[in-house]
Amino acid sequence: MSSSLRTRVVGHGRDRLPFDIDSVGLTGLLLVAPGAVLFLSFMLFPIAFLVYLSVTDATHAGTVLGGEASFVGLENYAELFTDPQFWQSFGITWLFLAVSLAIKVVLATGLAMVLTHARVLGKRFMRALVIVPMGFPAIFVITVWEGMFSGARYGPLNQMVGTYNSIVSGFAGVLDSLLFFVTISAPELLLADLPIQWLGGRWSAFAAYVITEVWLAYPFMVIIIVSALQDVPMDLHDAAKVDGAGYLRRFTNVTLPAIKRPVLFASILTAATSFQQFLIPFIFNGGGPSRQNELLILYGYREAIELHEYAFASAIMVTAIAFIGMFMWLAVKKGNLAEGIDSA
């Protein structure tokens, strides 16, 4: 690299820094050194080691600790991208993210609108109730929901369905007694066969994943949106009312534009969490049935721990990090959520 080109590159890098590098003294460097060391130790080093493992043939902890792993280049990535199970996990993970995020945004926005409405009484009490799920450990909540979705005949959801069947049958019996000239029985189409194996079917298990994920994450979304709604100037609503705008038009033209950035910020964070979801499928049914609901992180875990393919699992995790990093970068850039990012 020529000296003139090097000078231009260094100058361009200096211009992009948020501070004047020449004004940073030894004291400033010493103050940030502990944080930098911790960041490198707990963030960059594990990722770098993961990348290293992904280009070796490591199969278990012994080959890693004993230095027996050999360099194989990109063979693990080639195998990964030709593995049908990877694309199965990749697709179901993004579907899980999209469905759960959409429900969380709609549910949290609706609850936040209720919790900030002037005519609603007891808003402080209800806000406290909304954030209660945040006070429980995730493993506890997921275990409770697993019990809710139990396939046993007397599982909570199956009992609810049994109550529904009794109501439909009872209503049909009342009609039968009133209309004595015709026999009326509950149509089979309206009755559910019990017990229902909620976690035994692909899409019923997927719905259970989504419901549990929404329950875990919606309080965070509500907190962010409530804070955003409280900052919307009432003058804008009053002006819209004067112009004859109804509630729906005020919501779409005044409220939504005002809370768009906070909602997007919260959506990015909760989407990243959904992408990394591991406990829900692991505890519910191991990503079943037949690995059809195996989310990407669980896929990597199974390859590493159960099948002893550390290198292949590392390639899965590196790919997951790359995709979630790309997703968050694009979302932040297009949403213009950080200073210094072009809106173009």
Protein backbone atom coordinates (compact mmCIF):
# COMPACT_ATOMS: atom_id res chain seq x y z
CA MET A 1 0.00 0.00 0.00
CA SER A 2 1.47 3.35 -1.03
CA SER A 3 2.07 6.00 1.62
CA SER A 4 -0.47 8.38 0.06
CA LEU A 5 -3.19 5.72 0.04
CA ARG A 6 -2.35 4.73 3.62
CA THR A 7 -2.57 8.39 4.66
CA ARG A 8 -6.01 8.74 3.05
CA VAL A 9 -7.28 5.53 4.69
CA VAL A 10 -6.03 6.55 8.13
CA GLY A 11 -7.47 10.04 7.69
CA HIS A 12 -10.84 8.62 6.66
CA GLY A 13 -10.84 6.35 9.73
CA ARG A 14 -10.01 9.27 12.02
CA ASP A 15 -12.86 11.32 10.55
CA ARG A 16 -15.39 8.53 11.28
CA LEU A 17 -14.43 8.22 14.95
CA PRO A 18 -16.89 9.94 17.33
CA PHE A 19 -13.98 11.60 19.16
CA ASP A 20 -10.61 13.21 18.43
CA ILE A 21 -8.10 10.39 18.81
CA ASP A 22 -5.24 12.83 19.31
CA SER A 23 -6.93 14.20 22.45
CA VAL A 24 -7.07 10.77 24.14
CA GLY A 25 -4.24 10.50 26.64
CA LEU A 26 -2.73 7.61 28.54
CA THR A 27 -5.13 8.14 31.44
CA GLY A 28 -8.14 7.77 29.16
CA LEU A 29 -6.76 4.56 27.66
CA LEU A 30 -6.13 3.12 31.12
CA LEU A 31 -9.68 3.93 32.18
CA VAL A 32 -11.25 2.08 29.25
CA ALA A 33 -8.77 -0.81 29.36
CA PRO A 34 -10.67 -2.95 31.95
CA GLY A 35 -13.89 -2.67 29.98
CA ALA A 36 -12.09 -3.45 26.74
CA VAL A 37 -10.44 -6.53 28.28
CA LEU A 38 -13.78 -7.80 29.60
CA PHE A 39 -15.42 -7.20 26.22
CA LEU A 40 -12.67 -9.07 24.39
CA SER A 41 -12.77 -11.93 26.93
CA PHE A 42 -16.51 -12.49 27.04
CA MET A 43 -17.57 -11.43 23.55
CA LEU A 44 -14.92 -11.50 20.86
CA PHE A 45 -12.82 -14.41 22.13
CA PRO A 46 -15.74 -16.92 22.28
CA ILE A 47 -16.87 -15.89 18.80
CA ALA A 48 -13.32 -16.15 17.44
CA PHE A 49 -12.90 -19.58 19.05
CA LEU A 50 -16.23 -20.65 17.58
CA VAL A 51 -15.03 -19.62 14.12
CA TYR A 52 -11.82 -21.59 14.70
CA LEU A 53 -13.73 -24.73 15.70
CA SER A 54 -15.97 -24.43 12.64
CA VAL A 55 -12.99 -24.93 10.30
CA THR A 56 -11.66 -28.00 12.13
CA ASP A 57 -12.83 -31.61 12.52
CA ALA A 58 -13.38 -31.42 16.29
CA THR A 59 -15.92 -34.00 17.44
CA HIS A 60 -15.96 -33.69 21.24
CA ALA A 61 -14.38 -31.79 24.12
CA GLY A 62 -11.37 -34.11 24.19
CA THR A 63 -10.33 -33.23 20.67
CA VAL A 64 -10.68 -29.54 21.49
CA LEU A 65 -8.78 -29.58 24.79
CA GLY A 66 -6.19 -32.08 23.60
CA GLY A 67 -5.36 -30.17 20.44
CA GLU A 68 -6.25 -33.14 18.24
CA ALA A 69 -8.52 -31.21 15.89
CA SER A 70 -7.25 -30.76 12.32
CA PHE A 71 -7.92 -27.91 9.92
CA VAL A 72 -10.49 -28.85 7.26
CA GLY A 73 -11.30 -25.45 5.77
CA LEU A 74 -14.91 -24.84 4.79
CA GLU A 75 -15.97 -28.49 4.68
CA ASN A 76 -18.32 -28.07 7.63
CA TYR A 77 -20.04 -25.12 5.98
CA ALA A 78 -20.38 -27.05 2.71
CA GLU A 79 -21.94 -29.95 4.60
CA LEU A 80 -24.18 -27.56 6.54
CA PHE A 81 -25.63 -25.81 3.52
CA THR A 82 -26.42 -29.16 1.88
CA ASP A 83 -28.07 -30.59 5.02
CA PRO A 84 -31.90 -30.59 4.67
CA GLN A 85 -32.23 -30.38 8.46
CA PHE A 86 -30.39 -27.04 8.46
CA TRP A 87 -32.84 -25.50 6.01
CA GLN A 88 -35.72 -27.04 7.97
CA SER A 89 -34.46 -25.44 11.19
CA PHE A 90 -33.57 -22.21 9.43
CA GLY A 91 -37.05 -21.83 7.95
CA ILE A 92 -38.98 -22.74 11.09
CA THR A 93 -36.81 -20.37 13.15
CA TRP A 94 -37.61 -17.38 10.92
CA LEU A 95 -41.29 -18.38 10.82
CA PHE A 96 -41.31 -18.58 14.62
CA LEU A 97 -39.66 -15.16 14.80
CA ALA A 98 -42.08 -13.55 12.34
CA VAL A 99 -45.30 -14.97 13.83
CA SER A 100 -44.35 -14.33 17.45
CA LEU A 101 -43.09 -10.81 16.69
CA ALA A 102 -46.28 -9.86 14.85
CA ILE A 103 -48.44 -11.09 17.73
CA LYS A 104 -46.26 -9.36 20.31
CA VAL A 105 -46.39 -6.01 18.51
CA VAL A 106 -50.18 -6.12 18.03
CA LEU A 107 -50.90 -7.39 21.56
CA ALA A 108 -48.47 -5.00 23.26
CA THR A 109 -49.72 -2.00 21.27
CA GLY A 110 -53.33 -2.80 22.13
CA LEU A 111 -52.56 -3.24 25.83
CA ALA A 112 -50.46 -0.08 25.89
CA MET A 113 -53.31 1.90 24.32
CA VAL A 114 -55.65 0.64 27.04
CA LEU A 115 -53.14 1.36 29.81
CA THR A 116 -52.69 4.96 28.68
CA HIS A 117 -56.30 5.82 27.85
CA ALA A 118 -57.72 8.67 29.92
CA ARG A 119 -61.03 6.89 30.57
CA VAL A 120 -59.50 3.68 31.93
CA LEU A 121 -59.56 3.41 35.72
CA GLY A 122 -56.87 1.62 37.73
CA LYS A 123 -54.17 2.00 35.09
CA ARG A 124 -51.32 1.80 37.63
CA PHE A 125 -52.64 -1.46 39.06
CA MET A 126 -53.07 -2.96 35.59
CA ARG A 127 -49.56 -1.88 34.55
CA ALA A 128 -48.21 -3.72 37.56
CA LEU A 129 -50.15 -6.83 36.55
CA VAL A 130 -48.88 -6.64 32.97
CA ILE A 131 -45.22 -6.80 33.98
CA VAL A 132 -45.73 -9.67 36.46
CA PRO A 133 -44.42 -12.30 33.95
CA MET A 134 -41.08 -10.49 33.93
CA GLY A 135 -40.64 -11.37 37.60
CA PHE A 136 -40.58 -15.13 37.03
CA PRO A 137 -37.58 -17.11 35.76
CA ALA A 138 -37.98 -18.19 32.14
CA ILE A 139 -37.44 -21.85 33.02
CA PHE A 140 -40.32 -21.67 35.54
CA VAL A 141 -42.72 -20.03 33.07
CA ILE A 142 -41.85 -22.48 30.29
CA THR A 143 -42.31 -25.46 32.60
CA VAL A 144 -45.75 -24.17 33.66
CA TRP A 145 -46.78 -23.73 30.03
CA GLU A 146 -45.53 -27.24 29.27
CA GLY A 147 -47.96 -28.49 31.90
CA MET A 148 -50.73 -26.39 30.34
CA PHE A 149 -50.13 -28.09 27.00
CA SER A 150 -50.01 -31.56 28.54
CA GLY A 151 -51.52 -34.27 26.37
CA ALA A 152 -53.00 -36.05 29.40
CA ARG A 153 -56.77 -36.36 29.42
CA TYR A 154 -56.98 -34.19 32.53
CA GLY A 155 -54.41 -31.66 31.39
CA PRO A 156 -55.56 -28.02 31.81
CA LEU A 157 -56.22 -27.32 28.12
CA ASN A 158 -57.82 -30.71 27.55
CA GLN A 159 -60.14 -30.04 30.48
CA MET A 160 -61.10 -26.71 28.90
CA VAL A 161 -61.85 -28.48 25.64
CA GLY A 162 -63.84 -31.09 27.57
CA THR A 163 -65.89 -28.28 29.14
CA TYR A 164 -66.51 -26.86 25.68
CA ASN A 165 -67.71 -30.28 24.46
CA SER A 166 -70.08 -30.51 27.45
CA ILE A 167 -71.53 -27.06 26.70
CA VAL A 168 -72.12 -27.89 23.02
CA SER A 169 -73.66 -31.26 23.90
CA GLY A 170 -75.83 -29.67 26.61
CA PHE A 171 -77.06 -26.98 24.23
CA ALA A 172 -77.91 -29.66 21.66
CA GLY A 173 -79.77 -31.60 24.41
CA VAL A 174 -81.85 -28.54 25.33
CA LEU A 175 -82.84 -28.07 21.69
CA ASP A 176 -83.69 -31.76 21.45
CA SER A 177 -86.00 -31.53 24.46
CA LEU A 178 -87.74 -28.40 23.15
CA LEU A 179 -88.16 -29.67 19.61
CA PHE A 180 -89.76 -33.01 20.52
CA PHE A 181 -90.72 -33.77 16.95
CA VAL A 182 -87.09 -34.02 15.76
CA THR A 183 -83.99 -35.62 17.21
CA ILE A 184 -81.07 -33.24 17.64
CA SER A 185 -77.58 -34.27 18.69
CA ALA A 186 -74.34 -32.30 18.86
CA PRO A 187 -72.67 -32.33 15.42
CA GLU A 188 -69.35 -34.18 15.36
CA LEU A 189 -67.81 -31.24 13.51
CA LEU A 190 -68.23 -29.02 16.59
CA LEU A 191 -66.83 -31.55 19.05
CA ALA A 192 -63.14 -32.19 19.68
CA ASP A 193 -61.68 -35.65 20.16
CA LEU A 194 -60.02 -35.97 23.56
CA PRO A 195 -57.32 -36.16 24.68
CA ILE A 196 -55.52 -33.79 22.30
CA GLN A 197 -51.75 -34.24 22.05
CA TRP A 198 -50.92 -30.54 21.87
CA LEU A 199 -47.17 -31.11 21.61
CA GLY A 200 -47.49 -34.19 19.39
CA GLY A 201 -48.49 -32.41 16.18
CA ARG A 202 -46.20 -30.14 14.22
CA TRP A 203 -48.36 -27.03 14.02
CA SER A 204 -50.06 -27.43 17.39
CA ALA A 205 -46.60 -27.66 18.97
CA PHE A 206 -45.48 -24.65 16.93
CA ALA A 207 -48.51 -22.70 18.20
CA ALA A 208 -47.55 -23.69 21.76
CA TYR A 209 -44.03 -22.34 21.15
CA VAL A 210 -45.44 -19.04 19.88
CA ILE A 211 -47.91 -18.61 22.74
CA THR A 212 -45.20 -19.22 25.34
CA GLU A 213 -42.76 -16.87 23.61
CA VAL A 214 -45.39 -14.14 23.44
CA TRP A 215 -46.14 -14.57 27.15
CA LEU A 216 -42.44 -14.24 27.98
CA ALA A 217 -41.76 -11.16 25.84
CA TYR A 218 -44.92 -9.04 25.70
CA PRO A 219 -44.33 -7.22 29.05
CA PHE A 220 -41.10 -5.70 27.70
CA MET A 221 -42.91 -4.51 24.59
CA VAL A 222 -45.73 -3.04 26.68
CA ILE A 223 -43.29 -1.07 28.84
CA ILE A 224 -41.57 0.45 25.81
CA ILE A 225 -44.82 1.31 24.01
CA VAL A 226 -46.48 2.77 27.13
CA SER A 227 -43.47 5.06 27.59
CA ALA A 228 -43.66 6.09 23.93
CA LEU A 229 -47.41 6.79 24.11
CA GLN A 230 -46.95 9.01 27.13
CA ASP A 231 -44.60 11.20 25.09
CA VAL A 232 -47.09 11.76 22.24
CA PRO A 233 -48.14 15.45 22.45
CA MET A 234 -51.85 15.84 23.19
CA ASP A 235 -51.86 18.97 21.02
CA LEU A 236 -51.52 16.76 17.95
CA HIS A 237 -54.58 14.73 18.95
CA ASP A 238 -56.55 17.89 19.71
CA ALA A 239 -55.65 19.35 16.32
CA ALA A 240 -56.69 16.12 14.60
CA LYS A 241 -60.02 16.17 16.45
CA VAL A 242 -60.62 19.74 15.28
CA ASP A 243 -59.98 18.58 11.72
CA GLY A 244 -62.65 15.93 12.13
CA ALA A 245 -60.35 12.90 12.38
CA GLY A 246 -61.88 9.88 14.07
CA TYR A 247 -60.13 7.53 16.50
CA LEU A 248 -58.76 5.24 13.78
CA ARG A 249 -57.38 8.10 11.69
CA ARG A 250 -55.81 9.69 14.76
CA PHE A 251 -54.20 6.36 15.61
CA THR A 252 -52.76 5.80 12.12
CA ASN A 253 -51.76 9.41 11.38
CA VAL A 254 -50.75 10.70 14.81
CA THR A 255 -50.05 7.89 17.26
CA LEU A 256 -48.28 5.37 15.04
CA PRO A 257 -45.77 7.83 13.50
CA ALA A 258 -44.97 9.12 16.99
CA ILE A 259 -44.24 5.68 18.48
CA LYS A 260 -42.74 4.05 15.38
CA ARG A 261 -39.09 4.29 16.44
CA PRO A 262 -39.56 2.95 20.00
CA VAL A 263 -41.71 0.09 18.67
CA LEU A 264 -39.07 -0.72 16.07
CA PHE A 265 -36.36 -0.63 18.72
CA ALA A 266 -38.28 -3.02 20.97
CA SER A 267 -39.12 -5.25 17.99
CA ILE A 268 -35.46 -5.61 17.04
CA LEU A 269 -34.48 -6.64 20.56
CA THR A 270 -37.31 -9.13 21.03
CA ALA A 271 -36.79 -10.51 17.51
CA ALA A 272 -33.15 -11.22 18.35
CA THR A 273 -34.29 -13.00 21.50
CA SER A 274 -36.81 -15.08 19.55
CA PHE A 275 -34.14 -16.07 17.04
CA GLN A 276 -32.01 -17.41 19.90
CA GLN A 277 -34.87 -19.25 21.60
CA PHE A 278 -33.70 -22.58 22.95
CA LEU A 279 -35.52 -23.42 26.19
CA ILE A 280 -39.08 -23.55 24.81
CA PRO A 281 -38.57 -26.28 22.19
CA PHE A 282 -36.00 -28.08 24.34
CA ILE A 283 -38.33 -28.38 27.33
CA PHE A 284 -41.60 -28.87 25.43
CA ASN A 285 -40.77 -31.72 23.07
CA GLY A 286 -37.14 -31.42 21.96
CA GLY A 287 -38.10 -29.68 18.73
CA GLY A 288 -40.44 -32.45 17.66
CA PRO A 289 -42.23 -34.20 16.37
CA SER A 290 -39.41 -35.75 14.30
CA ARG A 291 -37.27 -32.56 14.59
CA GLN A 292 -39.82 -30.65 12.50
CA ASN A 293 -39.89 -27.76 15.00
CA GLU A 294 -36.20 -27.83 15.84
CA LEU A 295 -35.14 -24.18 16.06
CA LEU A 296 -31.65 -23.25 14.88
CA ILE A 297 -29.99 -22.99 18.31
CA LEU A 298 -31.48 -26.31 19.40
CA TYR A 299 -30.22 -27.83 16.13
CA GLY A 300 -26.68 -26.70 16.96
CA TYR A 301 -26.99 -27.97 20.55
CA ARG A 302 -28.12 -31.41 19.42
CA GLU A 303 -25.30 -31.71 16.90
CA ALA A 304 -22.71 -30.78 19.54
CA ILE A 305 -23.95 -32.50 22.70
CA GLU A 306 -25.93 -35.49 21.46
CA LEU A 307 -24.19 -36.28 18.17
CA HIS A 308 -20.68 -35.12 19.24
CA GLU A 309 -20.10 -32.96 16.18
CA TYR A 310 -18.49 -29.90 17.76
CA ALA A 311 -17.08 -28.54 14.52
CA PHE A 312 -20.32 -28.93 12.60
CA ALA A 313 -22.27 -27.38 15.49
CA SER A 314 -19.80 -24.48 15.54
CA ALA A 315 -20.50 -23.87 11.86
CA ILE A 316 -24.23 -23.77 12.71
CA MET A 317 -23.66 -21.22 15.47
CA VAL A 318 -21.38 -19.04 13.35
CA THR A 319 -24.03 -19.02 10.63
CA ALA A 320 -26.70 -18.10 13.20
CA ILE A 321 -24.55 -15.24 14.52
CA ALA A 322 -23.98 -13.97 10.98
CA PHE A 323 -27.69 -13.99 10.12
CA ILE A 324 -28.90 -12.38 13.35
CA GLY A 325 -26.12 -9.79 13.13
CA MET A 326 -27.09 -8.97 9.55
CA PHE A 327 -30.76 -8.77 10.51
CA MET A 328 -30.10 -6.36 13.39
CA TRP A 329 -27.73 -4.21 11.33
CA LEU A 330 -30.24 -3.86 8.51
CA ALA A 331 -33.08 -3.13 10.93
CA VAL A 332 -31.09 -0.45 12.74
CA LYS A 333 -29.88 1.09 9.49
CA LYS A 334 -33.24 1.14 7.71
CA GLY A 335 -35.00 2.28 10.87
CA ASN A 336 -32.44 5.05 11.39
CA LEU A 337 -32.22 4.13 15.08
CA ALA A 338 -28.59 5.11 15.65
CA GLU A 339 -26.82 8.41 15.22
CA GLY A 340 -24.58 8.69 12.23
CA ILE A 341 -26.46 6.16 10.12
CA ASP A 342 -27.61 7.43 6.77
CA SER A 343 -31.32 7.35 6.13
CA ALA A 344 -30.74 6.44 2.50
